């Protein structure tokens, strides 16, 4: 599975962005897909996951502001980010877990700054 994230950029605090992750094949059978982010000097952290049977899960820091979703027809994973804060700044990576193997996209940079 090849993943390519896009949609990052510079946004002011309080603004919104929508990230997209395009998969090379069908995502309808992938059990878990998610978004992670990383800032300099810190480990990559979970932002949100979407599990086929369980549903969605969010980091406490983004609950109520971010929404993860996917389009099985277009093979796209999304992350809608609203009410962005400076601490949301980082490189965002999309992830797919298939048959116990983690696949990662190349990352897209989100900068929240005035």
N, C-alpha and C. Protein backbone atom coordinates (compact mmCIF):
# COMPACT_ATOMS: atom_id res chain seq x y z
N UNK A 1 0.85 -1.18 0.00
CA UNK A 1 0.00 0.00 0.00
C UNK A 1 0.89 1.23 0.00
N UNK A 2 0.68 2.08 -0.97
CA UNK A 2 1.40 3.36 -0.99
C UNK A 2 0.43 4.47 -0.63
N UNK A 3 0.91 5.37 0.23
CA UNK A 3 0.07 6.45 0.71
C UNK A 3 0.73 7.78 0.41
N UNK A 4 -0.06 8.76 0.04
CA UNK A 4 0.47 10.09 -0.23
C UNK A 4 -0.43 11.13 0.42
N UNK A 5 0.12 11.83 1.39
CA UNK A 5 -0.63 12.85 2.10
C UNK A 5 -0.47 14.21 1.43
N UNK A 6 -1.50 15.02 1.54
CA UNK A 6 -1.46 16.36 0.98
C UNK A 6 -2.43 17.25 1.77
N UNK A 7 -2.34 18.54 1.50
CA UNK A 7 -3.28 19.48 2.11
C UNK A 7 -2.71 20.33 3.23
N UNK A 8 -1.47 20.10 3.59
CA UNK A 8 -0.86 20.90 4.62
C UNK A 8 -0.58 22.32 4.14
N UNK A 9 -0.20 23.16 5.08
CA UNK A 9 0.11 24.54 4.71
C UNK A 9 0.17 25.42 5.95
N UNK A 10 0.21 26.71 5.68
CA UNK A 10 0.26 27.71 6.75
C UNK A 10 -1.14 28.24 6.99
N UNK A 11 -1.56 28.23 8.24
CA UNK A 11 -2.89 28.71 8.59
C UNK A 11 -2.81 29.47 9.90
N UNK A 12 -3.66 30.46 10.06
CA UNK A 12 -3.69 31.23 11.29
C UNK A 12 -4.41 30.46 12.40
N UNK A 13 -4.09 30.76 13.63
CA UNK A 13 -4.83 30.13 14.74
C UNK A 13 -6.33 30.37 14.59
N UNK A 14 -7.09 29.32 14.84
CA UNK A 14 -8.54 29.39 14.66
C UNK A 14 -9.00 28.98 13.29
N UNK A 15 -8.07 28.82 12.37
CA UNK A 15 -8.42 28.45 11.01
C UNK A 15 -8.63 26.96 10.83
N UNK A 16 -8.86 26.57 9.58
CA UNK A 16 -9.15 25.17 9.25
C UNK A 16 -8.29 24.70 8.08
N UNK A 17 -8.05 23.42 8.07
CA UNK A 17 -7.39 22.75 6.95
C UNK A 17 -8.00 21.36 6.81
N UNK A 18 -7.97 20.84 5.60
CA UNK A 18 -8.36 19.45 5.40
C UNK A 18 -7.20 18.71 4.74
N UNK A 19 -6.72 17.71 5.42
CA UNK A 19 -5.68 16.86 4.87
C UNK A 19 -6.31 15.69 4.13
N UNK A 20 -5.64 15.26 3.09
CA UNK A 20 -6.07 14.10 2.33
C UNK A 20 -4.93 13.11 2.23
N UNK A 21 -5.28 11.86 2.16
CA UNK A 21 -4.28 10.81 1.99
C UNK A 21 -4.80 9.87 0.90
N UNK A 22 -4.08 9.84 -0.20
CA UNK A 22 -4.47 9.00 -1.32
C UNK A 22 -3.75 7.66 -1.24
N UNK A 23 -4.51 6.59 -1.35
CA UNK A 23 -3.94 5.25 -1.31
C UNK A 23 -3.82 4.69 -2.72
N UNK A 24 -2.82 3.83 -2.91
CA UNK A 24 -2.57 3.27 -4.24
C UNK A 24 -3.58 2.20 -4.62
N UNK A 25 -4.26 1.64 -3.64
CA UNK A 25 -5.25 0.61 -3.92
C UNK A 25 -6.48 0.79 -3.07
N UNK A 26 -7.30 -0.21 -3.08
CA UNK A 26 -8.56 -0.14 -2.34
C UNK A 26 -8.30 -0.07 -0.84
N UNK A 27 -9.01 0.81 -0.16
CA UNK A 27 -8.87 0.92 1.29
C UNK A 27 -10.05 0.31 2.03
N UNK A 28 -11.00 -0.20 1.28
CA UNK A 28 -12.22 -0.69 1.92
C UNK A 28 -11.96 -1.87 2.85
N UNK A 29 -10.90 -2.62 2.59
CA UNK A 29 -10.61 -3.80 3.43
C UNK A 29 -9.55 -3.54 4.48
N UNK A 30 -9.05 -2.33 4.54
CA UNK A 30 -8.02 -2.01 5.54
C UNK A 30 -8.69 -1.79 6.89
N UNK A 31 -8.24 -2.52 7.89
CA UNK A 31 -8.90 -2.46 9.19
C UNK A 31 -8.70 -1.15 9.92
N UNK A 32 -7.50 -0.64 9.86
CA UNK A 32 -7.20 0.58 10.62
C UNK A 32 -6.46 1.57 9.73
N UNK A 33 -6.94 2.79 9.70
CA UNK A 33 -6.23 3.88 9.05
C UNK A 33 -6.22 5.04 10.03
N UNK A 34 -5.18 5.87 9.90
CA UNK A 34 -5.11 6.95 10.87
C UNK A 34 -4.18 8.05 10.45
N UNK A 35 -4.17 9.06 11.28
CA UNK A 35 -3.28 10.21 11.11
C UNK A 35 -2.43 10.33 12.38
N UNK A 36 -1.15 10.62 12.15
CA UNK A 36 -0.21 10.85 13.23
C UNK A 36 0.51 12.16 12.93
N UNK A 37 1.11 12.75 13.95
CA UNK A 37 1.88 13.96 13.70
C UNK A 37 3.17 13.92 14.52
N UNK A 38 4.13 14.68 14.02
CA UNK A 38 5.43 14.72 14.68
C UNK A 38 5.96 16.14 14.65
N UNK A 39 6.49 16.57 15.79
CA UNK A 39 7.16 17.86 15.88
C UNK A 39 8.61 17.62 16.25
N UNK A 40 9.48 18.57 15.94
CA UNK A 40 10.91 18.38 16.23
C UNK A 40 11.17 18.03 17.69
N UNK A 41 11.95 17.00 17.89
CA UNK A 41 12.32 16.61 19.23
C UNK A 41 11.32 15.75 19.95
N UNK A 42 10.22 15.45 19.29
CA UNK A 42 9.18 14.64 19.92
C UNK A 42 8.92 13.40 19.09
N UNK A 43 8.37 12.41 19.75
CA UNK A 43 7.99 11.19 19.05
C UNK A 43 6.71 11.43 18.25
N UNK A 44 6.55 10.61 17.24
CA UNK A 44 5.32 10.67 16.46
C UNK A 44 4.15 10.28 17.36
N UNK A 45 3.09 11.05 17.31
CA UNK A 45 1.95 10.81 18.18
C UNK A 45 0.67 10.61 17.37
N UNK A 46 -0.20 9.80 17.95
CA UNK A 46 -1.48 9.54 17.30
C UNK A 46 -2.36 10.78 17.35
N UNK A 47 -3.00 11.07 16.22
CA UNK A 47 -3.97 12.15 16.17
C UNK A 47 -5.38 11.57 16.11
N UNK A 48 -5.59 10.65 15.17
CA UNK A 48 -6.92 10.06 15.01
C UNK A 48 -6.80 8.75 14.24
N UNK A 49 -7.66 7.81 14.57
CA UNK A 49 -7.72 6.56 13.83
C UNK A 49 -9.17 6.25 13.47
N UNK A 50 -9.30 5.48 12.42
CA UNK A 50 -10.60 5.03 11.97
C UNK A 50 -10.49 3.53 11.77
N UNK A 51 -11.21 2.79 12.60
CA UNK A 51 -11.16 1.33 12.56
C UNK A 51 -12.47 0.83 11.96
N UNK A 52 -12.35 -0.14 11.10
CA UNK A 52 -13.52 -0.60 10.34
C UNK A 52 -14.67 -1.02 11.23
N UNK A 53 -14.38 -1.74 12.30
CA UNK A 53 -15.46 -2.26 13.14
C UNK A 53 -15.75 -1.38 14.35
N UNK A 54 -14.73 -0.67 14.83
CA UNK A 54 -14.89 0.08 16.07
C UNK A 54 -15.31 1.52 15.81
N UNK A 55 -14.77 2.11 14.79
CA UNK A 55 -15.10 3.49 14.50
C UNK A 55 -13.92 4.40 14.69
N UNK A 56 -14.17 5.60 15.21
CA UNK A 56 -13.13 6.61 15.30
C UNK A 56 -12.57 6.73 16.72
N UNK A 57 -11.32 7.17 16.76
CA UNK A 57 -10.64 7.42 18.03
C UNK A 57 -9.77 8.65 17.85
N UNK A 58 -9.79 9.54 18.85
CA UNK A 58 -9.04 10.79 18.74
C UNK A 58 -8.16 11.02 19.96
N UNK A 59 -7.05 11.67 19.72
CA UNK A 59 -6.25 12.15 20.85
C UNK A 59 -7.08 13.19 21.60
N UNK A 60 -6.90 13.22 22.90
CA UNK A 60 -7.68 14.16 23.72
C UNK A 60 -7.48 15.60 23.24
N UNK A 61 -6.29 15.91 22.77
CA UNK A 61 -5.97 17.28 22.40
C UNK A 61 -6.71 17.77 21.16
N UNK A 62 -7.28 16.83 20.38
CA UNK A 62 -7.96 17.24 19.15
C UNK A 62 -9.44 16.92 19.15
N UNK A 63 -9.92 16.27 20.19
CA UNK A 63 -11.34 15.91 20.26
C UNK A 63 -12.22 17.16 20.14
N UNK A 64 -13.23 17.04 19.31
CA UNK A 64 -14.15 18.15 19.10
C UNK A 64 -13.69 19.14 18.06
N UNK A 65 -12.44 19.01 17.61
CA UNK A 65 -11.90 19.94 16.61
C UNK A 65 -11.56 19.24 15.30
N UNK A 66 -11.10 18.01 15.40
CA UNK A 66 -10.68 17.25 14.21
C UNK A 66 -11.68 16.14 13.92
N UNK A 67 -11.81 15.82 12.63
CA UNK A 67 -12.68 14.72 12.23
C UNK A 67 -11.97 13.89 11.17
N UNK A 68 -11.88 12.59 11.43
CA UNK A 68 -11.28 11.67 10.47
C UNK A 68 -12.41 10.97 9.71
N UNK A 69 -12.18 10.79 8.42
CA UNK A 69 -13.18 10.11 7.60
C UNK A 69 -12.48 9.51 6.40
N UNK A 70 -13.20 8.69 5.67
CA UNK A 70 -12.60 8.12 4.46
C UNK A 70 -13.65 7.93 3.39
N UNK A 71 -13.19 7.86 2.17
CA UNK A 71 -14.04 7.62 1.00
C UNK A 71 -13.54 6.35 0.35
N UNK A 72 -14.29 5.27 0.53
CA UNK A 72 -13.84 3.98 0.00
C UNK A 72 -13.92 3.91 -1.53
N UNK A 73 -14.68 4.78 -2.13
CA UNK A 73 -14.77 4.78 -3.59
C UNK A 73 -13.54 5.47 -4.20
N UNK A 74 -13.18 6.60 -3.61
CA UNK A 74 -12.02 7.34 -4.11
C UNK A 74 -10.71 6.88 -3.47
N UNK A 75 -10.80 5.97 -2.49
CA UNK A 75 -9.60 5.50 -1.78
C UNK A 75 -8.83 6.66 -1.13
N UNK A 76 -9.57 7.49 -0.44
CA UNK A 76 -8.99 8.64 0.22
C UNK A 76 -9.32 8.64 1.71
N UNK A 77 -8.33 9.02 2.50
CA UNK A 77 -8.52 9.24 3.93
C UNK A 77 -8.41 10.74 4.17
N UNK A 78 -9.27 11.27 5.02
CA UNK A 78 -9.28 12.70 5.28
C UNK A 78 -9.06 12.99 6.76
N UNK A 79 -8.58 14.20 7.00
CA UNK A 79 -8.56 14.73 8.36
C UNK A 79 -8.98 16.19 8.27
N UNK A 80 -10.20 16.46 8.72
CA UNK A 80 -10.68 17.83 8.77
C UNK A 80 -10.26 18.43 10.10
N UNK A 81 -9.53 19.52 10.02
CA UNK A 81 -8.98 20.16 11.22
C UNK A 81 -9.56 21.56 11.36
N UNK A 82 -10.30 21.78 12.41
CA UNK A 82 -10.91 23.08 12.68
C UNK A 82 -10.34 23.67 13.97
N UNK A 83 -10.55 24.95 14.15
CA UNK A 83 -10.10 25.65 15.37
C UNK A 83 -8.65 25.32 15.68
N UNK A 84 -7.82 25.45 14.66
CA UNK A 84 -6.42 25.06 14.81
C UNK A 84 -5.69 25.94 15.81
N UNK A 85 -4.76 25.30 16.51
CA UNK A 85 -3.96 25.97 17.52
C UNK A 85 -2.49 25.86 17.15
N UNK A 86 -1.67 26.71 17.72
CA UNK A 86 -0.25 26.67 17.41
C UNK A 86 0.36 25.30 17.75
N UNK A 87 -0.16 24.68 18.77
CA UNK A 87 0.38 23.37 19.16
C UNK A 87 0.00 22.25 18.21
N UNK A 88 -0.84 22.54 17.22
CA UNK A 88 -1.16 21.55 16.19
C UNK A 88 -0.11 21.53 15.09
N UNK A 89 0.82 22.46 15.16
CA UNK A 89 1.89 22.51 14.16
C UNK A 89 2.70 21.22 14.17
N UNK A 90 2.99 20.71 12.99
CA UNK A 90 3.79 19.51 12.88
C UNK A 90 3.68 18.89 11.50
N UNK A 91 4.39 17.82 11.30
CA UNK A 91 4.28 17.05 10.07
C UNK A 91 3.26 15.94 10.32
N UNK A 92 2.27 15.90 9.48
CA UNK A 92 1.18 14.94 9.62
C UNK A 92 1.38 13.78 8.65
N UNK A 93 1.28 12.57 9.19
CA UNK A 93 1.47 11.36 8.41
C UNK A 93 0.20 10.53 8.42
N UNK A 94 -0.14 9.97 7.27
CA UNK A 94 -1.24 9.03 7.25
C UNK A 94 -0.68 7.62 7.36
N UNK A 95 -1.47 6.76 7.92
CA UNK A 95 -1.05 5.40 8.24
C UNK A 95 -2.15 4.42 7.87
N UNK A 96 -1.73 3.27 7.39
CA UNK A 96 -2.66 2.17 7.16
C UNK A 96 -2.04 0.91 7.74
N UNK A 97 -2.85 0.16 8.47
CA UNK A 97 -2.36 -1.09 9.04
C UNK A 97 -3.10 -2.24 8.36
N UNK A 98 -2.32 -3.07 7.67
CA UNK A 98 -2.91 -4.16 6.90
C UNK A 98 -2.12 -5.42 7.16
N UNK A 99 -2.81 -6.45 7.62
CA UNK A 99 -2.17 -7.73 7.92
C UNK A 99 -0.99 -7.56 8.87
N UNK A 100 -1.15 -6.66 9.84
CA UNK A 100 -0.12 -6.47 10.85
C UNK A 100 1.05 -5.61 10.42
N UNK A 101 1.00 -5.07 9.23
CA UNK A 101 2.09 -4.24 8.72
C UNK A 101 1.61 -2.79 8.64
N UNK A 102 2.45 -1.87 9.12
CA UNK A 102 2.15 -0.45 9.06
C UNK A 102 2.73 0.16 7.79
N UNK A 103 1.89 0.89 7.10
CA UNK A 103 2.31 1.63 5.91
C UNK A 103 2.16 3.12 6.21
N UNK A 104 3.14 3.91 5.74
CA UNK A 104 3.15 5.34 6.04
C UNK A 104 3.25 6.16 4.77
N UNK A 105 2.57 7.31 4.78
CA UNK A 105 2.75 8.28 3.73
C UNK A 105 3.97 9.13 4.04
N UNK A 106 4.28 10.06 3.15
CA UNK A 106 5.51 10.85 3.28
C UNK A 106 5.36 12.04 4.22
N UNK A 107 4.18 12.38 4.65
CA UNK A 107 4.00 13.50 5.56
C UNK A 107 3.69 14.79 4.86
N UNK A 108 2.86 15.60 5.51
CA UNK A 108 2.55 16.92 5.00
C UNK A 108 2.64 17.90 6.18
N UNK A 109 3.28 19.03 5.95
CA UNK A 109 3.57 19.97 7.02
C UNK A 109 2.39 20.91 7.26
N UNK A 110 1.99 21.00 8.51
CA UNK A 110 0.96 21.94 8.93
C UNK A 110 1.61 22.94 9.87
N UNK A 111 1.49 24.21 9.54
CA UNK A 111 2.04 25.27 10.39
C UNK A 111 0.91 26.20 10.79
N UNK A 112 0.69 26.31 12.10
CA UNK A 112 -0.35 27.19 12.62
C UNK A 112 0.34 28.37 13.28
N UNK A 113 0.22 29.51 12.65
CA UNK A 113 0.94 30.68 13.13
C UNK A 113 0.29 31.95 12.61
N UNK A 114 0.37 33.00 13.40
CA UNK A 114 -0.16 34.28 12.96
C UNK A 114 0.95 35.12 12.32
